[in-house]
């Protein structure tokens, strides 16, 4: 009973999104949850059905008592078939092992990404405002900009391509 209450209280969509699980893992977990709930529903329906047969009622209704005697004998001799579920249990354990391995792999990826994001956040917080940067500092951060400017100066290009189209011509002449 406690597991039903705990399952009902769990918000799986929030867990999936907060853990950053992969699409495969989420799909596998959702399929498993669906199969589990379907099995529980069917088991509940079967448990709710009556399991006793009122043979006295059939004896009073039917004229052929031999049929009722034969049914009674079959019911007395009936032994339910037992199934070997070890293969299913192994499959479930294998699935569980894969799910745990995938979860650990996802956790490791998330930890790496979280460290990268922390480093990026630290860089953003420690960075100087854009207004305080000098041309030399921008050139050191992105040497390609300096190379492009030097090539343009060597070729005699004093305008930036696309500048006039984007900002218009500000010359007075």
N, C-alpha and C. Protein backbone atom coordinates (compact mmCIF):
# COMPACT_ATOMS: atom_id res chain seq x y z
N UNK A 1 0.80 -1.18 0.00
CA UNK A 1 0.00 0.00 0.00
C UNK A 1 0.86 1.26 0.00
N UNK A 2 1.95 1.23 0.76
CA UNK A 2 2.81 2.40 0.84
C UNK A 2 3.47 2.68 -0.50
N UNK A 3 3.77 1.63 -1.25
CA UNK A 3 4.40 1.85 -2.56
C UNK A 3 3.43 2.52 -3.52
N UNK A 4 2.14 2.19 -3.44
CA UNK A 4 1.16 2.85 -4.30
C UNK A 4 1.09 4.33 -3.99
N UNK A 5 1.09 4.67 -2.71
CA UNK A 5 1.03 6.07 -2.31
C UNK A 5 2.30 6.80 -2.74
N UNK A 6 3.43 6.13 -2.60
CA UNK A 6 4.70 6.75 -2.99
C UNK A 6 4.74 6.94 -4.50
N UNK A 7 4.26 5.97 -5.25
CA UNK A 7 4.26 6.08 -6.71
C UNK A 7 3.34 7.20 -7.16
N UNK A 8 2.20 7.34 -6.49
CA UNK A 8 1.26 8.39 -6.86
C UNK A 8 1.83 9.77 -6.53
N UNK A 9 2.66 9.87 -5.51
CA UNK A 9 3.21 11.15 -5.09
C UNK A 9 4.40 11.59 -5.94
N UNK A 10 4.98 10.70 -6.71
CA UNK A 10 6.17 11.02 -7.49
C UNK A 10 5.75 11.71 -8.79
N UNK A 11 6.39 12.83 -9.08
CA UNK A 11 6.14 13.55 -10.33
C UNK A 11 7.23 13.15 -11.32
N UNK A 12 6.94 12.14 -12.13
CA UNK A 12 7.96 11.57 -13.01
C UNK A 12 8.41 12.56 -14.08
N UNK A 13 7.53 13.40 -14.59
CA UNK A 13 7.94 14.35 -15.63
C UNK A 13 8.97 15.32 -15.08
N UNK A 14 8.80 15.73 -13.83
CA UNK A 14 9.78 16.63 -13.22
C UNK A 14 11.12 15.91 -13.02
N UNK A 15 11.05 14.64 -12.65
CA UNK A 15 12.27 13.86 -12.45
C UNK A 15 13.01 13.72 -13.77
N UNK A 16 12.27 13.39 -14.84
CA UNK A 16 12.91 13.22 -16.14
C UNK A 16 13.63 14.50 -16.57
N UNK A 17 12.95 15.63 -16.38
CA UNK A 17 13.54 16.89 -16.84
C UNK A 17 14.67 17.35 -15.92
N UNK A 18 14.52 17.14 -14.62
CA UNK A 18 15.56 17.63 -13.70
C UNK A 18 16.83 16.78 -13.77
N UNK A 19 16.69 15.50 -14.06
CA UNK A 19 17.87 14.64 -14.17
C UNK A 19 18.51 14.73 -15.55
N UNK A 20 17.80 15.29 -16.49
CA UNK A 20 18.34 15.42 -17.84
C UNK A 20 18.57 14.07 -18.49
N UNK A 21 17.64 13.15 -18.28
CA UNK A 21 17.79 11.81 -18.83
C UNK A 21 17.70 11.86 -20.35
N UNK A 22 18.39 10.94 -20.99
CA UNK A 22 18.35 10.84 -22.44
C UNK A 22 16.98 10.38 -22.91
N UNK A 23 16.71 10.62 -24.21
CA UNK A 23 15.41 10.26 -24.76
C UNK A 23 15.18 8.76 -24.67
N UNK A 24 16.22 7.97 -24.90
CA UNK A 24 16.08 6.51 -24.83
C UNK A 24 15.70 6.07 -23.43
N UNK A 25 16.37 6.63 -22.45
CA UNK A 25 16.12 6.25 -21.06
C UNK A 25 14.70 6.64 -20.64
N UNK A 26 14.29 7.85 -21.00
CA UNK A 26 12.94 8.30 -20.65
C UNK A 26 11.90 7.43 -21.33
N UNK A 27 12.12 7.11 -22.61
CA UNK A 27 11.16 6.27 -23.34
C UNK A 27 11.09 4.88 -22.73
N UNK A 28 12.23 4.32 -22.35
CA UNK A 28 12.24 2.99 -21.74
C UNK A 28 11.53 3.01 -20.38
N UNK A 29 11.77 4.04 -19.59
CA UNK A 29 11.11 4.14 -18.28
C UNK A 29 9.60 4.32 -18.44
N UNK A 30 9.18 5.14 -19.40
CA UNK A 30 7.76 5.34 -19.61
C UNK A 30 7.09 4.06 -20.10
N UNK A 31 7.76 3.33 -20.99
CA UNK A 31 7.19 2.07 -21.48
C UNK A 31 7.08 1.07 -20.33
N UNK A 32 8.10 1.02 -19.48
CA UNK A 32 8.07 0.12 -18.34
C UNK A 32 6.94 0.49 -17.39
N UNK A 33 6.78 1.78 -17.09
CA UNK A 33 5.72 2.23 -16.21
C UNK A 33 4.35 1.90 -16.80
N UNK A 34 4.20 2.04 -18.11
CA UNK A 34 2.93 1.73 -18.77
C UNK A 34 2.61 0.24 -18.65
N UNK A 35 3.62 -0.62 -18.92
CA UNK A 35 3.40 -2.06 -18.81
C UNK A 35 3.06 -2.44 -17.37
N UNK A 36 3.75 -1.82 -16.42
CA UNK A 36 3.52 -2.10 -15.00
C UNK A 36 2.10 -1.72 -14.60
N UNK A 37 1.66 -0.53 -14.98
CA UNK A 37 0.31 -0.10 -14.60
C UNK A 37 -0.75 -0.96 -15.29
N UNK A 38 -0.50 -1.37 -16.52
CA UNK A 38 -1.44 -2.25 -17.22
C UNK A 38 -1.53 -3.60 -16.52
N UNK A 39 -0.38 -4.15 -16.12
CA UNK A 39 -0.37 -5.43 -15.40
C UNK A 39 -1.10 -5.31 -14.07
N UNK A 40 -0.90 -4.21 -13.37
CA UNK A 40 -1.60 -4.01 -12.10
C UNK A 40 -3.11 -3.91 -12.32
N UNK A 41 -3.51 -3.21 -13.38
CA UNK A 41 -4.94 -3.06 -13.68
C UNK A 41 -5.56 -4.43 -13.98
N UNK A 42 -4.90 -5.22 -14.80
CA UNK A 42 -5.42 -6.55 -15.15
C UNK A 42 -5.47 -7.45 -13.91
N UNK A 43 -4.43 -7.41 -13.10
CA UNK A 43 -4.41 -8.22 -11.87
C UNK A 43 -5.55 -7.82 -10.95
N UNK A 44 -5.81 -6.54 -10.84
CA UNK A 44 -6.92 -6.07 -10.01
C UNK A 44 -8.26 -6.54 -10.53
N UNK A 45 -8.43 -6.51 -11.85
CA UNK A 45 -9.69 -7.00 -12.43
C UNK A 45 -9.86 -8.49 -12.17
N UNK A 46 -8.79 -9.26 -12.35
CA UNK A 46 -8.88 -10.70 -12.13
C UNK A 46 -9.12 -11.04 -10.67
N UNK A 47 -8.50 -10.29 -9.76
CA UNK A 47 -8.73 -10.54 -8.34
C UNK A 47 -10.15 -10.19 -7.92
N UNK A 48 -10.79 -9.26 -8.63
CA UNK A 48 -12.14 -8.86 -8.29
C UNK A 48 -13.19 -9.87 -8.76
N UNK A 49 -12.85 -10.73 -9.69
CA UNK A 49 -13.79 -11.71 -10.20
C UNK A 49 -13.99 -12.83 -9.19
N UNK A 50 -15.22 -13.33 -9.12
CA UNK A 50 -15.46 -14.44 -8.18
C UNK A 50 -14.75 -15.71 -8.66
N UNK A 51 -14.22 -16.48 -7.73
CA UNK A 51 -13.46 -17.68 -8.08
C UNK A 51 -14.17 -18.96 -7.70
N UNK A 52 -15.33 -18.85 -7.09
CA UNK A 52 -16.06 -20.06 -6.68
C UNK A 52 -17.18 -20.34 -7.67
N UNK A 53 -17.47 -21.62 -7.84
CA UNK A 53 -18.56 -22.05 -8.71
C UNK A 53 -19.61 -22.71 -7.82
N UNK A 54 -20.85 -22.24 -7.95
CA UNK A 54 -21.96 -22.77 -7.15
C UNK A 54 -22.54 -23.98 -7.88
N UNK A 55 -22.00 -25.15 -7.57
CA UNK A 55 -22.44 -26.37 -8.24
C UNK A 55 -23.84 -26.78 -7.81
N UNK A 56 -24.25 -26.44 -6.62
CA UNK A 56 -25.60 -26.77 -6.14
C UNK A 56 -26.65 -26.07 -7.00
N UNK A 57 -26.35 -24.85 -7.39
CA UNK A 57 -27.26 -24.11 -8.26
C UNK A 57 -27.41 -24.82 -9.61
N UNK A 58 -26.29 -25.24 -10.17
CA UNK A 58 -26.34 -25.94 -11.46
C UNK A 58 -27.06 -27.29 -11.33
N UNK A 59 -26.92 -27.99 -10.22
CA UNK A 59 -27.62 -29.27 -10.01
C UNK A 59 -29.14 -29.04 -10.00
N UNK A 60 -29.54 -27.92 -9.38
CA UNK A 60 -30.98 -27.65 -9.29
C UNK A 60 -31.55 -27.18 -10.63
N UNK A 61 -30.74 -26.54 -11.46
CA UNK A 61 -31.22 -26.00 -12.73
C UNK A 61 -31.16 -27.04 -13.85
N UNK A 62 -30.06 -27.78 -13.92
CA UNK A 62 -29.86 -28.73 -15.03
C UNK A 62 -30.52 -30.07 -14.72
N UNK A 63 -31.05 -30.69 -15.76
CA UNK A 63 -31.66 -32.02 -15.61
C UNK A 63 -30.59 -33.10 -15.63
N UNK A 64 -29.51 -32.86 -16.39
CA UNK A 64 -28.44 -33.84 -16.54
C UNK A 64 -27.43 -33.64 -15.41
N UNK A 65 -27.58 -34.42 -14.33
CA UNK A 65 -26.70 -34.29 -13.16
C UNK A 65 -25.31 -34.82 -13.45
N UNK A 66 -25.16 -35.69 -14.45
CA UNK A 66 -23.86 -36.27 -14.77
C UNK A 66 -22.88 -35.18 -15.25
N UNK A 67 -23.40 -34.19 -15.97
CA UNK A 67 -22.56 -33.09 -16.44
C UNK A 67 -22.02 -32.31 -15.25
N UNK A 68 -22.87 -32.04 -14.29
CA UNK A 68 -22.46 -31.30 -13.10
C UNK A 68 -21.44 -32.12 -12.31
N UNK A 69 -21.66 -33.44 -12.20
CA UNK A 69 -20.70 -34.31 -11.50
C UNK A 69 -19.35 -34.29 -12.20
N UNK A 70 -19.36 -34.32 -13.51
CA UNK A 70 -18.10 -34.31 -14.28
C UNK A 70 -17.37 -32.99 -14.09
N UNK A 71 -18.10 -31.88 -14.13
CA UNK A 71 -17.49 -30.56 -13.91
C UNK A 71 -16.91 -30.48 -12.51
N UNK A 72 -17.64 -31.02 -11.53
CA UNK A 72 -17.15 -31.00 -10.15
C UNK A 72 -15.86 -31.80 -10.03
N UNK A 73 -15.80 -32.96 -10.71
CA UNK A 73 -14.59 -33.79 -10.68
C UNK A 73 -13.42 -33.04 -11.33
N UNK A 74 -13.68 -32.39 -12.46
CA UNK A 74 -12.62 -31.63 -13.14
C UNK A 74 -12.13 -30.49 -12.25
N UNK A 75 -13.03 -29.79 -11.60
CA UNK A 75 -12.63 -28.69 -10.71
C UNK A 75 -11.82 -29.20 -9.52
N UNK A 76 -12.21 -30.37 -8.98
CA UNK A 76 -11.47 -30.93 -7.84
C UNK A 76 -10.06 -31.34 -8.26
N UNK A 77 -9.95 -31.91 -9.45
CA UNK A 77 -8.65 -32.42 -9.92
C UNK A 77 -7.77 -31.32 -10.53
N UNK A 78 -8.32 -30.14 -10.72
CA UNK A 78 -7.56 -29.06 -11.37
C UNK A 78 -6.41 -28.60 -10.50
N UNK A 79 -5.25 -28.52 -11.12
CA UNK A 79 -4.06 -27.97 -10.45
C UNK A 79 -3.50 -26.89 -11.37
N UNK A 80 -3.34 -25.70 -10.87
CA UNK A 80 -2.84 -24.62 -11.72
C UNK A 80 -1.42 -24.92 -12.21
N UNK A 81 -1.15 -24.47 -13.40
CA UNK A 81 0.16 -24.66 -14.00
C UNK A 81 1.12 -23.64 -13.40
N UNK A 82 2.30 -24.10 -13.07
CA UNK A 82 3.31 -23.18 -12.58
C UNK A 82 4.25 -22.83 -13.73
N UNK A 83 4.62 -21.60 -13.78
CA UNK A 83 5.49 -21.11 -14.84
C UNK A 83 6.85 -20.76 -14.27
N UNK A 84 7.86 -20.98 -15.07
CA UNK A 84 9.21 -20.59 -14.68
C UNK A 84 9.41 -19.14 -15.12
N UNK A 85 9.44 -18.25 -14.15
CA UNK A 85 9.55 -16.84 -14.46
C UNK A 85 10.99 -16.33 -14.31
N UNK A 86 11.92 -17.24 -14.16
CA UNK A 86 13.31 -16.82 -13.97
C UNK A 86 13.83 -16.07 -15.19
N UNK A 87 13.39 -16.46 -16.40
CA UNK A 87 13.83 -15.75 -17.61
C UNK A 87 13.32 -14.31 -17.58
N UNK A 88 12.08 -14.12 -17.14
CA UNK A 88 11.54 -12.77 -17.05
C UNK A 88 12.26 -11.95 -15.98
N UNK A 89 12.55 -12.60 -14.88
CA UNK A 89 13.27 -11.91 -13.80
C UNK A 89 14.66 -11.51 -14.28
N UNK A 90 15.33 -12.41 -15.01
CA UNK A 90 16.65 -12.07 -15.56
C UNK A 90 16.55 -10.89 -16.51
N UNK A 91 15.50 -10.89 -17.35
CA UNK A 91 15.31 -9.77 -18.29
C UNK A 91 15.10 -8.46 -17.54
N UNK A 92 14.33 -8.52 -16.47
CA UNK A 92 14.09 -7.33 -15.67
C UNK A 92 15.38 -6.87 -15.00
N UNK A 93 16.15 -7.81 -14.47
CA UNK A 93 17.41 -7.45 -13.84
C UNK A 93 18.39 -6.87 -14.86
N UNK A 94 18.40 -7.43 -16.06
CA UNK A 94 19.26 -6.90 -17.12
C UNK A 94 18.83 -5.48 -17.47
N UNK A 95 17.52 -5.28 -17.61
CA UNK A 95 17.01 -3.94 -17.89
C UNK A 95 17.39 -2.98 -16.78
N UNK A 96 17.25 -3.43 -15.55
CA UNK A 96 17.59 -2.59 -14.40
C UNK A 96 19.07 -2.23 -14.42
N UNK A 97 19.92 -3.22 -14.73
CA UNK A 97 21.36 -2.97 -14.80
C UNK A 97 21.68 -1.94 -15.88
N UNK A 98 21.04 -2.11 -17.05
CA UNK A 98 21.27 -1.16 -18.14
C UNK A 98 20.77 0.23 -17.75
N UNK A 99 19.62 0.27 -17.11
CA UNK A 99 19.06 1.57 -16.71
C UNK A 99 19.97 2.27 -15.70
N UNK A 100 20.49 1.51 -14.75
CA UNK A 100 21.39 2.10 -13.75
C UNK A 100 22.68 2.58 -14.42
N UNK A 101 23.21 1.77 -15.34
CA UNK A 101 24.44 2.16 -16.05
C UNK A 101 24.19 3.42 -16.87
N UNK A 102 23.05 3.47 -17.56
CA UNK A 102 22.71 4.64 -18.36
C UNK A 102 22.52 5.86 -17.47
N UNK A 103 21.92 5.65 -16.30
CA UNK A 103 21.72 6.76 -15.37
C UNK A 103 23.06 7.28 -14.85
N UNK A 104 23.98 6.37 -14.56
CA UNK A 104 25.31 6.80 -14.09
C UNK A 104 26.05 7.54 -15.20
N UNK A 105 25.91 7.04 -16.42
CA UNK A 105 26.55 7.71 -17.56
C UNK A 105 25.97 9.11 -17.73
N UNK A 106 24.66 9.21 -17.62
CA UNK A 106 23.99 10.51 -17.72
C UNK A 106 24.43 11.42 -16.59
N UNK A 107 24.57 10.87 -15.41
CA UNK A 107 25.02 11.66 -14.26
C UNK A 107 26.42 12.21 -14.50
N UNK A 108 27.30 11.37 -15.05
CA UNK A 108 28.66 11.83 -15.34
C UNK A 108 28.65 12.95 -16.37
N UNK A 109 27.84 12.79 -17.42
CA UNK A 109 27.73 13.83 -18.45
C UNK A 109 27.21 15.13 -17.86
N UNK A 110 26.21 14.99 -16.99
CA UNK A 110 25.63 16.19 -16.38
C UNK A 110 26.64 16.87 -15.47
N UNK A 111 27.42 16.08 -14.73
CA UNK A 111 28.45 16.66 -13.87
C UNK A 111 29.48 17.44 -14.68
N UNK A 112 29.91 16.86 -15.80
CA UNK A 112 30.88 17.55 -16.67
C UNK A 112 30.27 18.84 -17.21
N UNK A 113 29.03 18.75 -17.68
CA UNK A 113 28.36 19.93 -18.22
C UNK A 113 28.15 20.99 -17.14
N UNK A 114 27.83 20.54 -15.94
CA UNK A 114 27.63 21.47 -14.84
C UNK A 114 28.93 22.20 -14.49
N UNK A 115 30.05 21.48 -14.50
CA UNK A 115 31.35 22.12 -14.26
C UNK A 115 31.66 23.14 -15.34
N UNK A 116 31.36 22.78 -16.60
CA UNK A 116 31.59 23.73 -17.69
C UNK A 116 30.72 24.98 -17.52
N UNK A 117 29.48 24.77 -17.14
CA UNK A 117 28.59 25.91 -16.94
C UNK A 117 29.03 26.77 -15.76
N UNK A 118 29.53 26.13 -14.71
CA UNK A 118 30.04 26.89 -13.56
C UNK A 118 31.25 27.74 -13.98
N UNK A 119 32.14 27.13 -14.79
CA UNK A 119 33.31 27.86 -15.27
C UNK A 119 32.88 29.03 -16.15
N UNK A 120 31.90 28.80 -17.02
CA UNK A 120 31.40 29.86 -17.89
C UNK A 120 30.76 30.97 -17.06
N UNK A 121 29.98 30.58 -16.08
CA UNK A 121 29.34 31.57 -15.20
C UNK A 121 30.40 32.38 -14.45
N UNK A 122 31.42 31.71 -13.98
CA UNK A 122 32.51 32.40 -13.29
C UNK A 122 33.20 33.38 -14.23
N UNK A 123 33.44 32.96 -15.47
CA UNK A 123 34.07 33.85 -16.45
C UNK A 123 33.19 35.07 -16.72
N UNK A 124 31.89 34.84 -16.82
CA UNK A 124 30.97 35.95 -17.09
C UNK A 124 30.95 36.92 -15.92
N UNK A 125 30.93 36.39 -14.70
CA UNK A 125 30.88 37.25 -13.52
C UNK A 125 32.19 38.01 -13.32
N UNK A 126 33.31 37.38 -13.68
CA UNK A 126 34.61 38.01 -13.49
C UNK A 126 35.02 38.90 -14.66
N UNK A 127 34.29 38.85 -15.76
CA UNK A 127 34.67 39.62 -16.95
C UNK A 127 34.47 41.11 -16.71
N UNK A 128 35.32 41.86 -17.40
CA UNK A 128 35.19 43.32 -17.33
C UNK A 128 34.09 43.77 -18.28
N UNK A 129 33.49 44.91 -18.01
CA UNK A 129 32.47 45.42 -18.92
C UNK A 129 33.05 45.67 -20.32
N UNK A 130 32.21 45.59 -21.32
CA UNK A 130 32.64 45.75 -22.71
C UNK A 130 33.27 47.12 -22.94
N UNK A 131 32.77 48.14 -22.27
CA UNK A 131 33.28 49.50 -22.46
C UNK A 131 34.73 49.63 -22.00
N UNK A 132 35.15 48.79 -21.05
CA UNK A 132 36.49 48.88 -20.49
C UNK A 132 37.54 48.11 -21.29
N UNK A 133 37.13 47.36 -22.29
CA UNK A 133 38.08 46.56 -23.08
C UNK A 133 38.84 47.45 -24.05
N UNK A 134 40.10 47.07 -24.28
CA UNK A 134 40.91 47.79 -25.27
C UNK A 134 41.00 46.96 -26.54
N UNK A 135 41.46 47.58 -27.62
CA UNK A 135 41.59 46.89 -28.90
C UNK A 135 42.61 45.76 -28.78
N UNK A 136 43.68 46.00 -28.04
CA UNK A 136 44.71 44.96 -27.86
C UNK A 136 44.13 43.74 -27.15
N UNK A 137 43.30 43.95 -26.13
CA UNK A 137 42.71 42.82 -25.41
C UNK A 137 41.76 42.02 -26.30
N UNK A 138 40.99 42.73 -27.13
CA UNK A 138 40.09 42.04 -28.05
C UNK A 138 40.91 41.25 -29.07
N UNK A 139 42.00 41.85 -29.52
CA UNK A 139 42.89 41.17 -30.48
C UNK A 139 43.54 39.93 -29.88
N UNK A 140 43.90 40.00 -28.61
CA UNK A 140 44.49 38.82 -27.95
C UNK A 140 43.45 37.72 -27.78
N UNK A 141 42.21 38.12 -27.48
CA UNK A 141 41.16 37.13 -27.28
C UNK A 141 40.77 36.47 -28.61
N UNK A 142 40.76 37.25 -29.70
CA UNK A 142 40.38 36.73 -31.02
C UNK A 142 41.39 37.21 -32.06
N UNK A 143 42.50 36.49 -32.24
CA UNK A 143 43.54 36.91 -33.18
C UNK A 143 43.03 36.99 -34.62
N UNK A 144 41.98 36.31 -34.95
CA UNK A 144 41.45 36.35 -36.31
C UNK A 144 40.97 37.76 -36.68
N UNK A 145 40.49 38.50 -35.70
CA UNK A 145 40.04 39.87 -35.96
C UNK A 145 41.22 40.73 -36.40
N UNK A 146 42.34 40.60 -35.69
CA UNK A 146 43.53 41.38 -36.05
C UNK A 146 44.02 41.02 -37.45
N UNK A 147 44.02 39.73 -37.78
CA UNK A 147 44.46 39.30 -39.11
C UNK A 147 43.56 39.89 -40.19
N UNK A 148 42.26 39.88 -39.96
CA UNK A 148 41.32 40.42 -40.94
C UNK A 148 41.53 41.91 -41.14
N UNK A 149 41.73 42.65 -40.05
CA UNK A 149 41.95 44.10 -40.14
C UNK A 149 43.26 44.38 -40.87
N UNK A 150 44.33 43.62 -40.57
CA UNK A 150 45.61 43.83 -41.24
C UNK A 150 45.50 43.57 -42.74
N UNK A 151 44.79 42.52 -43.12
CA UNK A 151 44.59 42.22 -44.55
C UNK A 151 43.81 43.34 -45.23
N UNK A 152 42.79 43.85 -44.57
CA UNK A 152 42.00 44.93 -45.16
C UNK A 152 42.83 46.18 -45.35
N UNK A 153 43.69 46.50 -44.37
CA UNK A 153 44.55 47.70 -44.47
C UNK A 153 45.56 47.51 -45.59
N UNK A 154 46.16 46.32 -45.71
CA UNK A 154 47.13 46.05 -46.79
C UNK A 154 46.50 46.20 -48.16
N UNK A 155 45.26 45.78 -48.30
CA UNK A 155 44.57 45.84 -49.60
C UNK A 155 43.94 47.21 -49.84
N UNK A 156 44.02 48.08 -48.88
CA UNK A 156 43.47 49.42 -49.04
C UNK A 156 41.98 49.50 -48.81
N UNK A 157 41.42 48.53 -48.20
CA UNK A 157 39.99 48.56 -47.91
C UNK A 157 39.81 49.26 -46.56
N UNK A 158 39.10 50.37 -46.63
CA UNK A 158 38.91 51.12 -45.40
C UNK A 158 37.47 51.02 -44.88
N UNK A 159 36.68 50.27 -45.60
CA UNK A 159 35.30 50.10 -45.16
C UNK A 159 35.03 48.62 -44.88
N UNK A 160 34.13 48.38 -44.00
CA UNK A 160 33.76 47.01 -43.63
C UNK A 160 32.66 46.55 -44.59
N UNK A 161 32.82 45.37 -45.20
CA UNK A 161 31.79 44.89 -46.14
C UNK A 161 30.44 44.74 -45.44
N UNK A 162 29.39 45.28 -46.07
CA UNK A 162 28.05 45.17 -45.54
C UNK A 162 27.68 46.26 -44.55
N UNK A 163 28.63 47.15 -44.21
CA UNK A 163 28.35 48.18 -43.22
C UNK A 163 27.34 49.19 -43.74
N UNK A 164 27.55 49.64 -44.98
CA UNK A 164 26.66 50.66 -45.55
C UNK A 164 25.25 50.11 -45.73
N UNK A 165 25.17 48.82 -46.12
CA UNK A 165 23.85 48.23 -46.30
C UNK A 165 23.09 48.12 -44.98
N UNK A 166 23.84 47.84 -43.95
CA UNK A 166 23.19 47.63 -42.65
C UNK A 166 22.90 48.94 -41.92
N UNK A 167 23.88 49.88 -41.95
CA UNK A 167 23.76 51.09 -41.16
C UNK A 167 23.55 52.35 -42.01
N UNK A 168 23.70 52.23 -43.31
CA UNK A 168 23.54 53.40 -44.19
C UNK A 168 24.82 54.18 -44.34
N UNK A 169 24.83 55.10 -45.30
CA UNK A 169 26.02 55.92 -45.58
C UNK A 169 25.90 57.20 -44.73
N UNK A 170 26.85 57.40 -43.86
CA UNK A 170 26.79 58.56 -42.96
C UNK A 170 27.67 59.72 -43.46
N UNK A 171 28.30 59.56 -44.63
CA UNK A 171 29.17 60.64 -45.13
C UNK A 171 28.30 61.81 -45.59
N UNK A 172 28.83 63.03 -45.42
CA UNK A 172 28.09 64.22 -45.75
C UNK A 172 28.21 64.57 -47.23
N UNK A 173 29.17 64.02 -47.93
CA UNK A 173 29.38 64.38 -49.33
C UNK A 173 28.60 63.54 -50.26
